[in-house]
Amino acid sequence: MHASTFEYLKPTDEQIERMARVRAAAKAFCDVLEAELPDGPDKTSTIRNHRSNAMWANVAITRQPDGTPRS
């Protein structure tokens, strides 16, 4: 892993714009999940996992698979 893998990496302006688009899409899908899934532990798990995936998408935007910052 890259030495900065667990450190804060400030996104570039372009990466911030990409993150905003991905976040908006994730929020739209979460709204569908919230509306369509019946309440219960499976819904809770689904939404929590979706939130985790959205956060990992930000990592994918800012870092290479080995943790190296994307340019």
PDB file of N, CA and C in Angstrom:
ATOM      1  N   MET A   1       0.831  -1.183   0.000  1.00  0.00           N
ATOM      2  CA  MET A   1       0.000   0.000   0.000  1.00  0.00           C
ATOM      3  C   MET A   1       0.875   1.245   0.000  1.00  0.00           C
ATOM      4  N   HIS A   2       0.322   2.276  -0.590  1.00  0.00           N
ATOM      5  CA  HIS A   2       1.005   3.561  -0.623  1.00  0.00           C
ATOM      6  C   HIS A   2       1.072   4.144   0.790  1.00  0.00           C
ATOM      7  N   ALA A   3       2.126   4.866   1.084  1.00  0.00           N
ATOM      8  CA  ALA A   3       2.333   5.429   2.421  1.00  0.00           C
ATOM      9  C   ALA A   3       1.187   6.336   2.865  1.00  0.00           C
ATOM     10  N   SER A   4       0.485   6.956   1.927  1.00  0.00           N
ATOM     11  CA  SER A   4      -0.601   7.880   2.281  1.00  0.00           C
ATOM     12  C   SER A   4      -1.979   7.228   2.282  1.00  0.00           C
ATOM     13  N   THR A   5      -2.042   5.898   2.173  1.00  0.00           N
ATOM     14  CA  THR A   5      -3.327   5.212   2.062  1.00  0.00           C
ATOM     15  C   THR A   5      -4.291   5.576   3.190  1.00  0.00           C
ATOM     16  N   PHE A   6      -3.804   5.705   4.399  1.00  0.00           N
ATOM     17  CA  PHE A   6      -4.684   5.980   5.536  1.00  0.00           C
ATOM     18  C   PHE A   6      -4.641   7.438   5.973  1.00  0.00           C
ATOM     19  N   GLU A   7      -4.119   8.286   5.123  1.00  0.00           N
ATOM     20  CA  GLU A   7      -4.078   9.711   5.408  1.00  0.00           C
ATOM     21  C   GLU A   7      -5.119  10.440   4.571  1.00  0.00           C
ATOM     22  N   TYR A   8      -5.457  11.636   5.005  1.00  0.00           N
ATOM     23  CA  TYR A   8      -6.392  12.457   4.256  1.00  0.00           C
ATOM     24  C   TYR A   8      -5.779  12.859   2.928  1.00  0.00           C
ATOM     25  N   LEU A   9      -6.559  12.751   1.890  1.00  0.00           N
ATOM     26  CA  LEU A   9      -6.130  13.174   0.560  1.00  0.00           C
ATOM     27  C   LEU A   9      -7.155  14.180   0.047  1.00  0.00           C
ATOM     28  N   LYS A  10      -6.736  15.415  -0.074  1.00  0.00           N
ATOM     29  CA  LYS A  10      -7.659  16.450  -0.553  1.00  0.00           C
ATOM     30  C   LYS A  10      -7.951  16.213  -2.025  1.00  0.00           C
ATOM     31  N   PRO A  11      -9.236  16.058  -2.378  1.00  0.00           N
ATOM     32  CA  PRO A  11      -9.588  15.839  -3.783  1.00  0.00           C
ATOM     33  C   PRO A  11      -9.340  17.087  -4.622  1.00  0.00           C
ATOM     34  N   THR A  12      -9.069  16.843  -5.895  1.00  0.00           N
ATOM     35  CA  THR A  12      -8.946  17.947  -6.840  1.00  0.00           C
ATOM     36  C   THR A  12     -10.338  18.512  -7.129  1.00  0.00           C
ATOM     37  N   ASP A  13     -10.398  19.653  -7.773  1.00  0.00           N
ATOM     38  CA  ASP A  13     -11.697  20.237  -8.125  1.00  0.00           C
ATOM     39  C   ASP A  13     -12.489  19.282  -9.020  1.00  0.00           C
ATOM     40  N   GLU A  14     -11.819  18.650  -9.978  1.00  0.00           N
ATOM     41  CA  GLU A  14     -12.501  17.697 -10.863  1.00  0.00           C
ATOM     42  C   GLU A  14     -13.033  16.502 -10.067  1.00  0.00           C
ATOM     43  N   GLN A  15     -12.240  16.011  -9.124  1.00  0.00           N
ATOM     44  CA  GLN A  15     -12.675  14.882  -8.305  1.00  0.00           C
ATOM     45  C   GLN A  15     -13.863  15.264  -7.423  1.00  0.00           C
ATOM     46  N   ILE A  16     -13.870  16.486  -6.916  1.00  0.00           N
ATOM     47  CA  ILE A  16     -14.995  16.960  -6.111  1.00  0.00           C
ATOM     48  C   ILE A  16     -16.268  16.977  -6.947  1.00  0.00           C
ATOM     49  N   GLU A  17     -16.164  17.396  -8.195  1.00  0.00           N
ATOM     50  CA  GLU A  17     -17.334  17.405  -9.083  1.00  0.00           C
ATOM     51  C   GLU A  17     -17.824  15.979  -9.341  1.00  0.00           C
ATOM     52  N   ARG A  18     -16.890  15.047  -9.564  1.00  0.00           N
ATOM     53  CA  ARG A  18     -17.271  13.645  -9.770  1.00  0.00           C
ATOM     54  C   ARG A  18     -17.946  13.087  -8.526  1.00  0.00           C
ATOM     55  N   MET A  19     -17.372  13.386  -7.376  1.00  0.00           N
ATOM     56  CA  MET A  19     -17.947  12.910  -6.115  1.00  0.00           C
ATOM     57  C   MET A  19     -19.374  13.423  -5.937  1.00  0.00           C
ATOM     58  N   ALA A  20     -19.604  14.663  -6.286  1.00  0.00           N
ATOM     59  CA  ALA A  20     -20.945  15.241  -6.158  1.00  0.00           C
ATOM     60  C   ALA A  20     -21.940  14.514  -7.054  1.00  0.00           C
ATOM     61  N   ARG A  21     -21.530  14.177  -8.271  1.00  0.00           N
ATOM     62  CA  ARG A  21     -22.429  13.447  -9.178  1.00  0.00           C
ATOM     63  C   ARG A  21     -22.716  12.047  -8.647  1.00  0.00           C
ATOM     64  N   VAL A  22     -21.679  11.373  -8.171  1.00  0.00           N
ATOM     65  CA  VAL A  22     -21.864  10.014  -7.631  1.00  0.00           C
ATOM     66  C   VAL A  22     -22.732  10.069  -6.372  1.00  0.00           C
ATOM     67  N   ARG A  23     -22.492  11.058  -5.521  1.00  0.00           N
ATOM     68  CA  ARG A  23     -23.278  11.203  -4.292  1.00  0.00           C
ATOM     69  C   ARG A  23     -24.751  11.461  -4.614  1.00  0.00           C
ATOM     70  N   ALA A  24     -25.016  12.276  -5.614  1.00  0.00           N
ATOM     71  CA  ALA A  24     -26.402  12.557  -6.004  1.00  0.00           C
ATOM     72  C   ALA A  24     -27.085  11.287  -6.514  1.00  0.00           C
ATOM     73  N   ALA A  25     -26.361  10.498  -7.293  1.00  0.00           N
ATOM     74  CA  ALA A  25     -26.930   9.237  -7.790  1.00  0.00           C
ATOM     75  C   ALA A  25     -27.170   8.261  -6.643  1.00  0.00           C
ATOM     76  N   ALA A  26     -26.223   8.202  -5.704  1.00  0.00           N
ATOM     77  CA  ALA A  26     -26.385   7.312  -4.546  1.00  0.00           C
ATOM     78  C   ALA A  26     -27.591   7.737  -3.717  1.00  0.00           C
ATOM     79  N   LYS A  27     -27.765   9.038  -3.531  1.00  0.00           N
ATOM     80  CA  LYS A  27     -28.909   9.546  -2.768  1.00  0.00           C
ATOM     81  C   LYS A  27     -30.215   9.205  -3.470  1.00  0.00           C
ATOM     82  N   ALA A  28     -30.253   9.343  -4.794  1.00  0.00           N
ATOM     83  CA  ALA A  28     -31.469   9.015  -5.543  1.00  0.00           C
ATOM     84  C   ALA A  28     -31.823   7.536  -5.378  1.00  0.00           C
ATOM     85  N   PHE A  29     -30.814   6.664  -5.461  1.00  0.00           N
ATOM     86  CA  PHE A  29     -31.072   5.235  -5.283  1.00  0.00           C
ATOM     87  C   PHE A  29     -31.498   4.936  -3.851  1.00  0.00           C
ATOM     88  N   CYS A  30     -30.891   5.614  -2.887  1.00  0.00           N
ATOM     89  CA  CYS A  30     -31.281   5.409  -1.493  1.00  0.00           C
ATOM     90  C   CYS A  30     -32.742   5.814  -1.274  1.00  0.00           C
ATOM     91  N   ASP A  31     -33.166   6.879  -1.932  1.00  0.00           N
ATOM     92  CA  ASP A  31     -34.568   7.290  -1.826  1.00  0.00           C
ATOM     93  C   ASP A  31     -35.495   6.183  -2.321  1.00  0.00           C
ATOM     94  N   VAL A  32     -35.103   5.503  -3.399  1.00  0.00           N
ATOM     95  CA  VAL A  32     -35.902   4.386  -3.918  1.00  0.00           C
ATOM     96  C   VAL A  32     -35.903   3.233  -2.911  1.00  0.00           C
ATOM     97  N   LEU A  33     -34.734   2.910  -2.390  1.00  0.00           N
ATOM     98  CA  LEU A  33     -34.655   1.833  -1.392  1.00  0.00           C
ATOM     99  C   LEU A  33     -35.538   2.154  -0.192  1.00  0.00           C
ATOM    100  N   GLU A  34     -35.447   3.375   0.293  1.00  0.00           N
ATOM    101  CA  GLU A  34     -36.241   3.791   1.456  1.00  0.00           C
ATOM    102  C   GLU A  34     -37.734   3.658   1.176  1.00  0.00           C
ATOM    103  N   ALA A  35     -38.157   4.027  -0.016  1.00  0.00           N
ATOM    104  CA  ALA A  35     -39.580   4.005  -0.362  1.00  0.00           C
ATOM    105  C   ALA A  35     -40.100   2.599  -0.655  1.00  0.00           C
ATOM    106  N   GLU A  36     -39.271   1.752  -1.252  1.00  0.00           N
ATOM    107  CA  GLU A  36     -39.765   0.475  -1.760  1.00  0.00           C
ATOM    108  C   GLU A  36     -39.512  -0.733  -0.863  1.00  0.00           C
ATOM    109  N   LEU A  37     -38.498  -0.671  -0.026  1.00  0.00           N
ATOM    110  CA  LEU A  37     -38.202  -1.828   0.813  1.00  0.00           C
ATOM    111  C   LEU A  37     -39.042  -1.804   2.083  1.00  0.00           C
ATOM    112  N   PRO A  38     -39.547  -2.971   2.495  1.00  0.00           N
ATOM    113  CA  PRO A  38     -40.294  -3.006   3.746  1.00  0.00           C
ATOM    114  C   PRO A  38     -39.349  -2.780   4.930  1.00  0.00           C
ATOM    115  N   ASP A  39     -39.863  -2.108   5.965  1.00  0.00           N
ATOM    116  CA  ASP A  39     -39.060  -1.865   7.156  1.00  0.00           C
ATOM    117  C   ASP A  39     -38.611  -3.181   7.774  1.00  0.00           C
ATOM    118  N   GLY A  40     -37.415  -3.168   8.296  1.00  0.00           N
ATOM    119  CA  GLY A  40     -36.887  -4.350   8.960  1.00  0.00           C
ATOM    120  C   GLY A  40     -35.385  -4.404   8.841  1.00  0.00           C
ATOM    121  N   PRO A  41     -34.795  -5.451   9.402  1.00  0.00           N
ATOM    122  CA  PRO A  41     -33.343  -5.536   9.421  1.00  0.00           C
ATOM    123  C   PRO A  41     -32.710  -5.640   8.033  1.00  0.00           C
ATOM    124  N   ASP A  42     -33.389  -6.262   7.087  1.00  0.00           N
ATOM    125  CA  ASP A  42     -32.826  -6.362   5.735  1.00  0.00           C
ATOM    126  C   ASP A  42     -32.758  -4.992   5.066  1.00  0.00           C
ATOM    127  N   LYS A  43     -33.783  -4.178   5.273  1.00  0.00           N
ATOM    128  CA  LYS A  43     -33.772  -2.816   4.728  1.00  0.00           C
ATOM    129  C   LYS A  43     -32.645  -2.009   5.367  1.00  0.00           C
ATOM    130  N   THR A  44     -32.530  -2.115   6.668  1.00  0.00           N
ATOM    131  CA  THR A  44     -31.467  -1.400   7.376  1.00  0.00           C
ATOM    132  C   THR A  44     -30.100  -1.812   6.853  1.00  0.00           C
ATOM    133  N   SER A  45     -29.888  -3.106   6.704  1.00  0.00           N
ATOM    134  CA  SER A  45     -28.610  -3.607   6.199  1.00  0.00           C
ATOM    135  C   SER A  45     -28.357  -3.130   4.774  1.00  0.00           C
ATOM    136  N   THR A  46     -29.367  -3.175   3.942  1.00  0.00           N
ATOM    137  CA  THR A  46     -29.232  -2.744   2.552  1.00  0.00           C
ATOM    138  C   THR A  46     -28.823  -1.280   2.472  1.00  0.00           C
ATOM    139  N   ILE A  47     -29.474  -0.437   3.233  1.00  0.00           N
ATOM    140  CA  ILE A  47     -29.172   0.993   3.192  1.00  0.00           C
ATOM    141  C   ILE A  47     -27.788   1.270   3.779  1.00  0.00           C
ATOM    142  N   ARG A  48     -27.424   0.573   4.848  1.00  0.00           N
ATOM    143  CA  ARG A  48     -26.084   0.761   5.421  1.00  0.00           C
ATOM    144  C   ARG A  48     -25.000   0.326   4.438  1.00  0.00           C
ATOM    145  N   ASN A  49     -25.210  -0.799   3.777  1.00  0.00           N
ATOM    146  CA  ASN A  49     -24.233  -1.260   2.793  1.00  0.00           C
ATOM    147  C   ASN A  49     -24.161  -0.316   1.601  1.00  0.00           C
ATOM    148  N   HIS A  50     -25.293   0.213   1.195  1.00  0.00           N
ATOM    149  CA  HIS A  50     -25.311   1.179   0.093  1.00  0.00           C
ATOM    150  C   HIS A  50     -24.520   2.425   0.478  1.00  0.00           C
ATOM    151  N   ARG A  51     -24.675   2.878   1.706  1.00  0.00           N
ATOM    152  CA  ARG A  51     -23.921   4.048   2.189  1.00  0.00           C
ATOM    153  C   ARG A  51     -22.425   3.743   2.166  1.00  0.00           C
ATOM    154  N   SER A  52     -22.068   2.564   2.596  1.00  0.00           N
ATOM    155  CA  SER A  52     -20.658   2.168   2.565  1.00  0.00           C
ATOM    156  C   SER A  52     -20.125   2.167   1.137  1.00  0.00           C
ATOM    157  N   ASN A  53     -20.903   1.637   0.204  1.00  0.00           N
ATOM    158  CA  ASN A  53     -20.487   1.622  -1.200  1.00  0.00           C
ATOM    159  C   ASN A  53     -20.300   3.035  -1.735  1.00  0.00           C
ATOM    160  N   ALA A  54     -21.172   3.932  -1.339  1.00  0.00           N
ATOM    161  CA  ALA A  54     -21.048   5.324  -1.787  1.00  0.00           C
ATOM    162  C   ALA A  54     -19.755   5.945  -1.259  1.00  0.00           C
ATOM    163  N   MET A  55     -19.395   5.623  -0.029  1.00  0.00           N
ATOM    164  CA  MET A  55     -18.144   6.152   0.523  1.00  0.00           C
ATOM    165  C   MET A  55     -16.937   5.554  -0.192  1.00  0.00           C
ATOM    166  N   TRP A  56     -16.987   4.267  -0.502  1.00  0.00           N
ATOM    167  CA  TRP A  56     -15.886   3.640  -1.223  1.00  0.00           C
ATOM    168  C   TRP A  56     -15.767   4.198  -2.639  1.00  0.00           C
ATOM    169  N   ALA A  57     -16.869   4.646  -3.200  1.00  0.00           N
ATOM    170  CA  ALA A  57     -16.810   5.275  -4.527  1.00  0.00           C
ATOM    171  C   ALA A  57     -15.935   6.522  -4.479  1.00  0.00           C
ATOM    172  N   ASN A  58     -16.010   7.284  -3.376  1.00  0.00           N
ATOM    173  CA  ASN A  58     -15.141   8.452  -3.230  1.00  0.00           C
ATOM    174  C   ASN A  58     -13.678   8.038  -3.209  1.00  0.00           C
ATOM    175  N   VAL A  59     -13.380   6.936  -2.535  1.00  0.00           N
ATOM    176  CA  VAL A  59     -12.000   6.436  -2.515  1.00  0.00           C
ATOM    177  C   VAL A  59     -11.561   6.079  -3.934  1.00  0.00           C
ATOM    178  N   ALA A  60     -12.430   5.420  -4.675  1.00  0.00           N
ATOM    179  CA  ALA A  60     -12.096   5.025  -6.045  1.00  0.00           C
ATOM    180  C   ALA A  60     -11.813   6.238  -6.926  1.00  0.00           C
ATOM    181  N   ILE A  61     -12.499   7.338  -6.638  1.00  0.00           N
ATOM    182  CA  ILE A  61     -12.295   8.560  -7.416  1.00  0.00           C
ATOM    183  C   ILE A  61     -10.946   9.191  -7.090  1.00  0.00           C
ATOM    184  N   THR A  62     -10.512   9.101  -5.842  1.00  0.00           N
ATOM    185  CA  THR A  62      -9.306   9.818  -5.421  1.00  0.00           C
ATOM    186  C   THR A  62      -8.032   8.963  -5.383  1.00  0.00           C
ATOM    187  N   ARG A  63      -8.170   7.638  -5.369  1.00  0.00           N
ATOM    188  CA  ARG A  63      -6.992   6.794  -5.200  1.00  0.00           C
ATOM    189  C   ARG A  63      -6.957   5.631  -6.183  1.00  0.00           C
ATOM    190  N   GLN A  64      -5.755   5.218  -6.534  1.00  0.00           N
ATOM    191  CA  GLN A  64      -5.539   4.001  -7.310  1.00  0.00           C
ATOM    192  C   GLN A  64      -5.800   2.797  -6.403  1.00  0.00           C
ATOM    193  N   PRO A  65      -5.930   1.590  -6.947  1.00  0.00           N
ATOM    194  CA  PRO A  65      -6.171   0.400  -6.114  1.00  0.00           C
ATOM    195  C   PRO A  65      -5.129   0.159  -5.023  1.00  0.00           C
ATOM    196  N   ASP A  66      -3.892   0.596  -5.254  1.00  0.00           N
ATOM    197  CA  ASP A  66      -2.842   0.380  -4.242  1.00  0.00           C
ATOM    198  C   ASP A  66      -2.764   1.530  -3.244  1.00  0.00           C
ATOM    199  N   GLY A  67      -3.688   2.474  -3.310  1.00  0.00           N
ATOM    200  CA  GLY A  67      -3.689   3.606  -2.396  1.00  0.00           C
ATOM    201  C   GLY A  67      -2.964   4.831  -2.920  1.00  0.00           C
ATOM    202  N   THR A  68      -2.291   4.704  -4.040  1.00  0.00           N
ATOM    203  CA  THR A  68      -1.595   5.833  -4.642  1.00  0.00           C
ATOM    204  C   THR A  68      -2.625   6.895  -5.060  1.00  0.00           C
ATOM    205  N   PRO A  69      -2.373   8.155  -4.762  1.00  0.00           N
ATOM    206  CA  PRO A  69      -3.313   9.196  -5.179  1.00  0.00           C
ATOM    207  C   PRO A  69      -3.466   9.244  -6.707  1.00  0.00           C
ATOM    208  N   ARG A  70      -4.709   9.420  -7.145  1.00  0.00           N
ATOM    209  CA  ARG A  70      -4.954   9.640  -8.574  1.00  0.00           C
ATOM    210  C   ARG A  70      -4.601  11.087  -8.899  1.00  0.00           C
ATOM    211  N   SER A  71      -4.101  11.269 -10.084  1.00  0.00           N
ATOM    212  CA  SER A  71      -3.784  12.652 -10.494  1.00  0.00           C
ATOM    213  C   SER A  71      -4.940  13.243 -11.263  1.00  0.00           C
TER     214      SER A  71
END
